[in-house]
PDB file of N, CA and C in Angstrom:
ATOM      1  N   MET A   1      18.300 -12.676  13.746  1.00  0.00           N
ATOM      2  CA  MET A   1      17.959 -11.853  14.893  1.00  0.00           C
ATOM      3  C   MET A   1      18.104 -10.063  13.965  1.00  0.00           C
ATOM      4  N   LYS A   2      17.048  -9.595  14.429  1.00  0.00           N
ATOM      5  CA  LYS A   2      16.982  -8.068  13.619  1.00  0.00           C
ATOM      6  C   LYS A   2      16.916  -6.975  14.819  1.00  0.00           C
ATOM      7  N   ALA A   3      17.673  -5.818  14.389  1.00  0.00           N
ATOM      8  CA  ALA A   3      17.891  -4.807  15.157  1.00  0.00           C
ATOM      9  C   ALA A   3      16.444  -4.132  15.413  1.00  0.00           C
ATOM     10  N   LYS A   4      16.010  -3.422  16.366  1.00  0.00           N
ATOM     11  CA  LYS A   4      14.794  -2.697  16.246  1.00  0.00           C
ATOM     12  C   LYS A   4      14.948  -1.472  16.475  1.00  0.00           C
ATOM     13  N   LYS A   5      16.158  -0.886  16.822  1.00  0.00           N
ATOM     14  CA  LYS A   5      16.373   0.634  16.935  1.00  0.00           C
ATOM     15  C   LYS A   5      18.101   0.906  16.952  1.00  0.00           C
ATOM     16  N   ALA A   6      18.363   2.070  16.858  1.00  0.00           N
ATOM     17  CA  ALA A   6      19.753   2.301  17.118  1.00  0.00           C
ATOM     18  C   ALA A   6      20.381   2.026  18.551  1.00  0.00           C
ATOM     19  N   GLY A   7      21.574   1.932  18.725  1.00  0.00           N
ATOM     20  CA  GLY A   7      22.074   1.601  20.088  1.00  0.00           C
ATOM     21  C   GLY A   7      23.401   0.813  20.291  1.00  0.00           C
ATOM     22  N   LYS A   8      23.709   0.507  21.277  1.00  0.00           N
ATOM     23  CA  LYS A   8      24.694  -0.413  21.572  1.00  0.00           C
ATOM     24  C   LYS A   8      24.234  -1.413  22.850  1.00  0.00           C
ATOM     25  N   ALA A   9      25.027  -2.629  22.597  1.00  0.00           N
ATOM     26  CA  ALA A   9      24.596  -3.877  23.552  1.00  0.00           C
ATOM     27  C   ALA A   9      25.779  -4.553  23.638  1.00  0.00           C
ATOM     28  N   VAL A  10      25.807  -5.346  24.577  1.00  0.00           N
ATOM     29  CA  VAL A  10      27.078  -6.438  24.854  1.00  0.00           C
ATOM     30  C   VAL A  10      26.122  -7.835  25.194  1.00  0.00           C
ATOM     31  N   ILE A  11      26.543  -8.703  24.248  1.00  0.00           N
ATOM     32  CA  ILE A  11      26.077 -10.104  24.247  1.00  0.00           C
ATOM     33  C   ILE A  11      27.130 -11.095  24.935  1.00  0.00           C
ATOM     34  N   SER A  12      26.787 -11.672  26.256  1.00  0.00           N
ATOM     35  CA  SER A  12      27.678 -12.784  26.674  1.00  0.00           C
ATOM     36  C   SER A  12      27.370 -13.846  26.649  1.00  0.00           C
ATOM     37  N   ALA A  13      28.038 -14.803  26.510  1.00  0.00           N
ATOM     38  CA  ALA A  13      28.005 -16.339  26.546  1.00  0.00           C
ATOM     39  C   ALA A  13      28.935 -16.953  27.470  1.00  0.00           C
ATOM     40  N   THR A  14      28.699 -17.866  28.310  1.00  0.00           N
ATOM     41  CA  THR A  14      29.554 -18.398  29.164  1.00  0.00           C
ATOM     42  C   THR A  14      29.646 -20.041  29.222  1.00  0.00           C
ATOM     43  N   VAL A  15      30.509 -20.764  29.068  1.00  0.00           N
ATOM     44  CA  VAL A  15      30.503 -21.978  28.698  1.00  0.00           C
ATOM     45  C   VAL A  15      31.567 -22.420  29.946  1.00  0.00           C
ATOM     46  N   ASP A  16      31.121 -23.138  30.728  1.00  0.00           N
ATOM     47  CA  ASP A  16      32.047 -23.984  32.100  1.00  0.00           C
ATOM     48  C   ASP A  16      32.421 -22.497  32.447  1.00  0.00           C
ATOM     49  N   VAL A  17      33.936 -22.028  32.282  1.00  0.00           N
ATOM     50  CA  VAL A  17      34.388 -21.084  33.307  1.00  0.00           C
ATOM     51  C   VAL A  17      34.851 -19.980  32.036  1.00  0.00           C
ATOM     52  N   LYS A  18      34.533 -20.389  30.939  1.00  0.00           N
ATOM     53  CA  LYS A  18      34.819 -19.558  29.787  1.00  0.00           C
ATOM     54  C   LYS A  18      34.137 -18.484  29.542  1.00  0.00           C
ATOM     55  N   THR A  19      33.910 -17.114  29.423  1.00  0.00           N
ATOM     56  CA  THR A  19      33.115 -16.192  29.131  1.00  0.00           C
ATOM     57  C   THR A  19      33.517 -15.139  27.889  1.00  0.00           C
ATOM     58  N   VAL A  20      32.867 -15.275  27.013  1.00  0.00           N
ATOM     59  CA  VAL A  20      33.164 -14.497  25.729  1.00  0.00           C
ATOM     60  C   VAL A  20      31.842 -13.077  25.586  1.00  0.00           C
ATOM     61  N   ASN A  21      32.540 -12.005  25.363  1.00  0.00           N
ATOM     62  CA  ASN A  21      31.422 -11.035  25.293  1.00  0.00           C
ATOM     63  C   ASN A  21      31.492 -10.366  23.607  1.00  0.00           C
ATOM     64  N   CYS A  22      30.439 -10.214  23.278  1.00  0.00           N
ATOM     65  CA  CYS A  22      30.145  -9.432  21.937  1.00  0.00           C
ATOM     66  C   CYS A  22      29.614  -7.945  21.860  1.00  0.00           C
ATOM     67  N   HIS A  23      30.567  -6.975  21.565  1.00  0.00           N
ATOM     68  CA  HIS A  23      30.123  -5.503  21.581  1.00  0.00           C
ATOM     69  C   HIS A  23      29.389  -5.476  20.079  1.00  0.00           C
ATOM     70  N   VAL A  24      28.209  -5.016  20.281  1.00  0.00           N
ATOM     71  CA  VAL A  24      27.231  -4.815  19.101  1.00  0.00           C
ATOM     72  C   VAL A  24      27.090  -3.478  18.760  1.00  0.00           C
ATOM     73  N   SER A  25      27.061  -2.755  17.738  1.00  0.00           N
ATOM     74  CA  SER A  25      26.513  -1.161  17.720  1.00  0.00           C
ATOM     75  C   SER A  25      25.596  -1.119  16.413  1.00  0.00           C
ATOM     76  N   VAL A  26      24.244  -0.745  16.504  1.00  0.00           N
ATOM     77  CA  VAL A  26      23.464  -0.545  15.638  1.00  0.00           C
ATOM     78  C   VAL A  26      23.281   1.123  15.231  1.00  0.00           C
ATOM     79  N   LYS A  27      23.742   1.294  14.005  1.00  0.00           N
ATOM     80  CA  LYS A  27      23.408   2.726  13.641  1.00  0.00           C
ATOM     81  C   LYS A  27      22.184   3.071  13.216  1.00  0.00           C
ATOM     82  N   GLU A  28      21.642   4.106  13.507  1.00  0.00           N
ATOM     83  CA  GLU A  28      20.406   4.912  12.912  1.00  0.00           C
ATOM     84  C   GLU A  28      20.206   4.603  11.226  1.00  0.00           C
ATOM     85  N   LYS A  29      19.294   4.222  10.923  1.00  0.00           N
ATOM     86  CA  LYS A  29      19.084   3.796   9.442  1.00  0.00           C
ATOM     87  C   LYS A  29      18.872   5.195   8.913  1.00  0.00           C
ATOM     88  N   LYS A  30      19.698   5.317   7.697  1.00  0.00           N
ATOM     89  CA  LYS A  30      19.757   6.617   6.737  1.00  0.00           C
ATOM     90  C   LYS A  30      18.534   6.310   6.102  1.00  0.00           C
ATOM     91  N   THR A  31      17.688   7.400   5.731  1.00  0.00           N
ATOM     92  CA  THR A  31      16.815   7.386   4.738  1.00  0.00           C
ATOM     93  C   THR A  31      16.920   8.449   3.679  1.00  0.00           C
ATOM     94  N   GLN A  32      16.421   7.955   2.599  1.00  0.00           N
ATOM     95  CA  GLN A  32      16.987   8.276   1.329  1.00  0.00           C
ATOM     96  C   GLN A  32      15.588   9.435   0.783  1.00  0.00           C
ATOM     97  N   SER A  33      16.239  10.853   0.653  1.00  0.00           N
ATOM     98  CA  SER A  33      14.897  11.711   0.692  1.00  0.00           C
ATOM     99  C   SER A  33      14.669  12.212  -0.947  1.00  0.00           C
ATOM    100  N   LYS A  34      13.298  11.760  -1.239  1.00  0.00           N
ATOM    101  CA  LYS A  34      13.149  11.845  -2.577  1.00  0.00           C
ATOM    102  C   LYS A  34      12.079  13.190  -2.626  1.00  0.00           C
ATOM    103  N   ASN A  35      11.888  13.768  -1.692  1.00  0.00           N
ATOM    104  CA  ASN A  35      11.134  15.277  -1.898  1.00  0.00           C
ATOM    105  C   ASN A  35       9.917  14.852  -2.033  1.00  0.00           C
ATOM    106  N   ILE A  36       9.221  13.922  -1.296  1.00  0.00           N
ATOM    107  CA  ILE A  36       7.739  13.403  -1.505  1.00  0.00           C
ATOM    108  C   ILE A  36       6.824  14.160  -0.394  1.00  0.00           C
ATOM    109  N   THR A  37       5.675  14.501  -0.942  1.00  0.00           N
ATOM    110  CA  THR A  37       4.745  15.429  -0.322  1.00  0.00           C
ATOM    111  C   THR A  37       3.367  14.416  -0.171  1.00  0.00           C
ATOM    112  N   ILE A  38       2.838  14.639   0.913  1.00  0.00           N
ATOM    113  CA  ILE A  38       1.271  14.059   1.168  1.00  0.00           C
ATOM    114  C   ILE A  38       0.612  13.794  -0.017  1.00  0.00           C
ATOM    115  N   ASN A  39       0.570  14.884  -1.152  1.00  0.00           N
ATOM    116  CA  ASN A  39      -0.377  14.762  -2.219  1.00  0.00           C
ATOM    117  C   ASN A  39       0.030  14.182  -3.251  1.00  0.00           C
ATOM    118  N   ASN A  40       1.337  13.709  -3.199  1.00  0.00           N
ATOM    119  CA  ASN A  40       1.990  12.993  -3.975  1.00  0.00           C
ATOM    120  C   ASN A  40       2.148  13.638  -5.500  1.00  0.00           C
ATOM    121  N   THR A  41       2.348  14.902  -5.454  1.00  0.00           N
ATOM    122  CA  THR A  41       2.658  15.748  -6.790  1.00  0.00           C
ATOM    123  C   THR A  41       4.118  16.210  -6.506  1.00  0.00           C
ATOM    124  N   SER A  42       4.678  16.026  -5.419  1.00  0.00           N
ATOM    125  CA  SER A  42       6.330  16.681  -5.465  1.00  0.00           C
ATOM    126  C   SER A  42       7.326  15.584  -5.213  1.00  0.00           C
ATOM    127  N   TYR A  43       7.329  14.572  -6.497  1.00  0.00           N
ATOM    128  CA  TYR A  43       8.430  13.952  -5.990  1.00  0.00           C
ATOM    129  C   TYR A  43       9.147  13.879  -7.640  1.00  0.00           C
ATOM    130  N   THR A  44      10.398  13.109  -7.820  1.00  0.00           N
ATOM    131  CA  THR A  44      11.110  13.132  -8.900  1.00  0.00           C
ATOM    132  C   THR A  44      10.478  12.287  -9.999  1.00  0.00           C
ATOM    133  N   VAL A  45      10.140  13.049 -10.994  1.00  0.00           N
ATOM    134  CA  VAL A  45       9.779  11.825 -12.278  1.00  0.00           C
ATOM    135  C   VAL A  45      10.618  12.032 -13.215  1.00  0.00           C
ATOM    136  N   TYR A  46      10.608  11.736 -14.386  1.00  0.00           N
ATOM    137  CA  TYR A  46      11.706  11.703 -15.575  1.00  0.00           C
ATOM    138  C   TYR A  46      10.939  12.126 -16.974  1.00  0.00           C
ATOM    139  N   ILE A  47      11.351  12.982 -17.745  1.00  0.00           N
ATOM    140  CA  ILE A  47      10.836  13.245 -18.972  1.00  0.00           C
ATOM    141  C   ILE A  47      12.002  12.769 -20.099  1.00  0.00           C
ATOM    142  N   THR A  48      11.604  12.939 -21.322  1.00  0.00           N
ATOM    143  CA  THR A  48      12.480  12.772 -22.243  1.00  0.00           C
ATOM    144  C   THR A  48      12.584  14.037 -23.229  1.00  0.00           C
ATOM    145  N   LYS A  49      13.464  14.272 -24.214  1.00  0.00           N
ATOM    146  CA  LYS A  49      13.550  15.382 -25.088  1.00  0.00           C
ATOM    147  C   LYS A  49      12.256  15.465 -25.837  1.00  0.00           C
ATOM    148  N   THR A  50      11.679  14.336 -26.272  1.00  0.00           N
ATOM    149  CA  THR A  50      11.004  14.540 -27.422  1.00  0.00           C
ATOM    150  C   THR A  50       9.392  13.700 -27.081  1.00  0.00           C
ATOM    151  N   GLY A  51       9.375  13.336 -25.913  1.00  0.00           N
ATOM    152  CA  GLY A  51       8.110  12.567 -25.592  1.00  0.00           C
ATOM    153  C   GLY A  51       7.256  13.313 -24.947  1.00  0.00           C
ATOM    154  N   GLU A  52       5.792  12.943 -24.422  1.00  0.00           N
ATOM    155  CA  GLU A  52       4.755  13.616 -24.080  1.00  0.00           C
ATOM    156  C   GLU A  52       4.463  13.280 -22.539  1.00  0.00           C
ATOM    157  N   CYS A  53       5.227  12.270 -21.955  1.00  0.00           N
ATOM    158  CA  CYS A  53       4.814  11.491 -20.788  1.00  0.00           C
ATOM    159  C   CYS A  53       6.064  11.812 -19.768  1.00  0.00           C
ATOM    160  N   TYR A  54       5.717  11.721 -18.362  1.00  0.00           N
ATOM    161  CA  TYR A  54       6.563  11.382 -17.431  1.00  0.00           C
ATOM    162  C   TYR A  54       6.714  10.429 -16.850  1.00  0.00           C
ATOM    163  N   HIS A  55       7.970   9.558 -16.602  1.00  0.00           N
ATOM    164  CA  HIS A  55       8.033   8.162 -16.247  1.00  0.00           C
ATOM    165  C   HIS A  55       8.709   7.935 -14.869  1.00  0.00           C
ATOM    166  N   ARG A  56       8.549   6.998 -14.306  1.00  0.00           N
ATOM    167  CA  ARG A  56       9.421   6.548 -13.262  1.00  0.00           C
ATOM    168  C   ARG A  56      10.870   6.358 -13.603  1.00  0.00           C
ATOM    169  N   ASP A  57      11.989   6.341 -12.848  1.00  0.00           N
ATOM    170  CA  ASP A  57      13.249   5.794 -13.173  1.00  0.00           C
ATOM    171  C   ASP A  57      13.353   4.332 -13.534  1.00  0.00           C
ATOM    172  N   GLY A  58      13.740   4.001 -14.465  1.00  0.00           N
ATOM    173  CA  GLY A  58      14.073   2.844 -14.660  1.00  0.00           C
ATOM    174  C   GLY A  58      13.084   2.324 -16.035  1.00  0.00           C
ATOM    175  N   CYS A  59      11.935   3.214 -16.160  1.00  0.00           N
ATOM    176  CA  CYS A  59      11.231   2.900 -17.305  1.00  0.00           C
ATOM    177  C   CYS A  59      11.886   2.559 -18.755  1.00  0.00           C
ATOM    178  N   ARG A  60      11.361   1.730 -19.492  1.00  0.00           N
ATOM    179  CA  ARG A  60      12.095   1.452 -20.649  1.00  0.00           C
ATOM    180  C   ARG A  60      12.191   2.719 -21.543  1.00  0.00           C
ATOM    181  N   TYR A  61      11.009   3.362 -21.491  1.00  0.00           N
ATOM    182  CA  TYR A  61      10.951   4.607 -22.569  1.00  0.00           C
ATOM    183  C   TYR A  61      12.326   5.845 -22.121  1.00  0.00           C
ATOM    184  N   LEU A  62      13.262   5.524 -21.160  1.00  0.00           N
ATOM    185  CA  LEU A  62      14.082   6.566 -20.756  1.00  0.00           C
ATOM    186  C   LEU A  62      15.372   5.942 -21.330  1.00  0.00           C
ATOM    187  N   ARG A  63      15.505   5.112 -22.112  1.00  0.00           N
ATOM    188  CA  ARG A  63      16.843   4.675 -22.664  1.00  0.00           C
ATOM    189  C   ARG A  63      17.766   5.706 -23.188  1.00  0.00           C
ATOM    190  N   ARG A  64      17.171   6.480 -24.168  1.00  0.00           N
ATOM    191  CA  ARG A  64      17.860   7.681 -25.051  1.00  0.00           C
ATOM    192  C   ARG A  64      18.068   8.759 -24.105  1.00  0.00           C
ATOM    193  N   SER A  65      17.147   9.338 -23.327  1.00  0.00           N
ATOM    194  CA  SER A  65      17.199  10.540 -22.645  1.00  0.00           C
ATOM    195  C   SER A  65      16.459  10.330 -21.473  1.00  0.00           C
ATOM    196  N   GLN A  66      17.004  11.055 -20.337  1.00  0.00           N
ATOM    197  CA  GLN A  66      16.370  11.010 -19.280  1.00  0.00           C
ATOM    198  C   GLN A  66      16.469  12.379 -18.386  1.00  0.00           C
ATOM    199  N   ILE A  67      15.541  12.999 -18.432  1.00  0.00           N
ATOM    200  CA  ILE A  67      15.424  14.369 -17.559  1.00  0.00           C
ATOM    201  C   ILE A  67      14.861  14.623 -16.324  1.00  0.00           C
ATOM    202  N   SER A  68      15.454  14.821 -15.351  1.00  0.00           N
ATOM    203  CA  SER A  68      14.653  14.764 -14.057  1.00  0.00           C
ATOM    204  C   SER A  68      13.748  15.908 -13.741  1.00  0.00           C
ATOM    205  N   ILE A  69      12.497  15.911 -13.319  1.00  0.00           N
ATOM    206  CA  ILE A  69      11.707  16.928 -13.232  1.00  0.00           C
ATOM    207  C   ILE A  69      10.714  16.954 -11.937  1.00  0.00           C
ATOM    208  N   SER A  70      10.149  17.473 -11.181  1.00  0.00           N
ATOM    209  CA  SER A  70       9.245  17.295 -10.260  1.00  0.00           C
ATOM    210  C   SER A  70       7.836  16.771 -10.739  1.00  0.00           C
ATOM    211  N   LYS A  71       7.171  16.033 -10.194  1.00  0.00           N
ATOM    212  CA  LYS A  71       5.906  15.641 -10.648  1.00  0.00           C
ATOM    213  C   LYS A  71       4.960  16.656 -11.051  1.00  0.00           C
ATOM    214  N   SER A  72       4.968  17.758 -10.062  1.00  0.00           N
ATOM    215  CA  SER A  72       3.959  18.656 -10.224  1.00  0.00           C
ATOM    216  C   SER A  72       4.467  19.822 -11.423  1.00  0.00           C
ATOM    217  N   SER A  73       5.701  19.652 -11.844  1.00  0.00           N
ATOM    218  CA  SER A  73       6.177  20.726 -12.903  1.00  0.00           C
ATOM    219  C   SER A  73       5.756  19.890 -13.973  1.00  0.00           C
ATOM    220  N   ALA A  74       5.850  18.531 -14.256  1.00  0.00           N
ATOM    221  CA  ALA A  74       5.809  18.029 -15.287  1.00  0.00           C
ATOM    222  C   ALA A  74       4.063  18.096 -15.541  1.00  0.00           C
ATOM    223  N   ILE A  75       3.283  17.738 -14.676  1.00  0.00           N
ATOM    224  CA  ILE A  75       1.734  18.058 -14.946  1.00  0.00           C
ATOM    225  C   ILE A  75       1.579  19.464 -15.335  1.00  0.00           C
ATOM    226  N   ASN A  76       2.092  20.596 -14.979  1.00  0.00           N
ATOM    227  CA  ASN A  76       1.883  21.750 -14.957  1.00  0.00           C
ATOM    228  C   ASN A  76       2.210  22.278 -16.636  1.00  0.00           C
ATOM    229  N   GLN A  77       3.131  21.430 -17.109  1.00  0.00           N
ATOM    230  CA  GLN A  77       3.579  21.637 -18.208  1.00  0.00           C
ATOM    231  C   GLN A  77       3.005  20.703 -19.560  1.00  0.00           C
ATOM    232  N   GLY A  78       2.081  19.813 -18.873  1.00  0.00           N
ATOM    233  CA  GLY A  78       1.131  19.390 -19.809  1.00  0.00           C
ATOM    234  C   GLY A  78       1.724  17.881 -20.130  1.00  0.00           C
ATOM    235  N   TYR A  79       2.618  17.387 -19.510  1.00  0.00           N
ATOM    236  CA  TYR A  79       3.065  15.926 -19.606  1.00  0.00           C
ATOM    237  C   TYR A  79       1.966  15.122 -18.882  1.00  0.00           C
ATOM    238  N   ARG A  80       1.644  13.703 -19.454  1.00  0.00           N
ATOM    239  CA  ARG A  80       0.875  12.961 -18.803  1.00  0.00           C
ATOM    240  C   ARG A  80       1.483  11.491 -18.167  1.00  0.00           C
ATOM    241  N   ALA A  81       1.115  10.875 -17.489  1.00  0.00           N
ATOM    242  CA  ALA A  81       1.613   9.728 -16.808  1.00  0.00           C
ATOM    243  C   ALA A  81       1.773   8.673 -17.800  1.00  0.00           C
ATOM    244  N   CYS A  82       3.057   8.065 -17.724  1.00  0.00           N
ATOM    245  CA  CYS A  82       3.325   6.908 -18.606  1.00  0.00           C
ATOM    246  C   CYS A  82       2.373   5.899 -18.456  1.00  0.00           C
ATOM    247  N   HIS A  83       1.840   4.946 -19.594  1.00  0.00           N
ATOM    248  CA  HIS A  83       1.208   4.060 -19.239  1.00  0.00           C
ATOM    249  C   HIS A  83       1.850   2.781 -18.810  1.00  0.00           C
ATOM    250  N   VAL A  84       2.960   2.726 -18.940  1.00  0.00           N
ATOM    251  CA  VAL A  84       3.934   1.601 -18.907  1.00  0.00           C
ATOM    252  C   VAL A  84       4.191   1.453 -17.407  1.00  0.00           C
ATOM    253  N   CYS A  85       5.010   2.543 -16.960  1.00  0.00           N
ATOM    254  CA  CYS A  85       5.534   2.332 -15.621  1.00  0.00           C
ATOM    255  C   CYS A  85       4.731   3.055 -14.478  1.00  0.00           C
ATOM    256  N   HIS A  86       3.653   3.831 -14.886  1.00  0.00           N
ATOM    257  CA  HIS A  86       2.599   4.389 -13.772  1.00  0.00           C
ATOM    258  C   HIS A  86       3.157   5.191 -12.887  1.00  0.00           C
ATOM    259  N   PRO A  87       3.700   6.285 -12.965  1.00  0.00           N
ATOM    260  CA  PRO A  87       4.489   7.134 -12.088  1.00  0.00           C
ATOM    261  C   PRO A  87       3.470   7.556 -11.096  1.00  0.00           C
TER     262      PRO A  87
END
């Protein structure tokens, strides 16, 4: 069973004369903010010290250096999208 929203509930089960209650509390899901906008140009991407491309987190080209930057800033500075990770 999966919770649909935050809240509290009591689940009761009765067998013969024995009743057991289970109190359940579901917390609000925390969302991780990545500073994303509708036009997809204001989220975090990564550049390297010597490269010409911007990358997604985890791209194989980020093994040696990884500098965070907004996608719009990377584009304004002349970086192009990585052909491997397609950010």
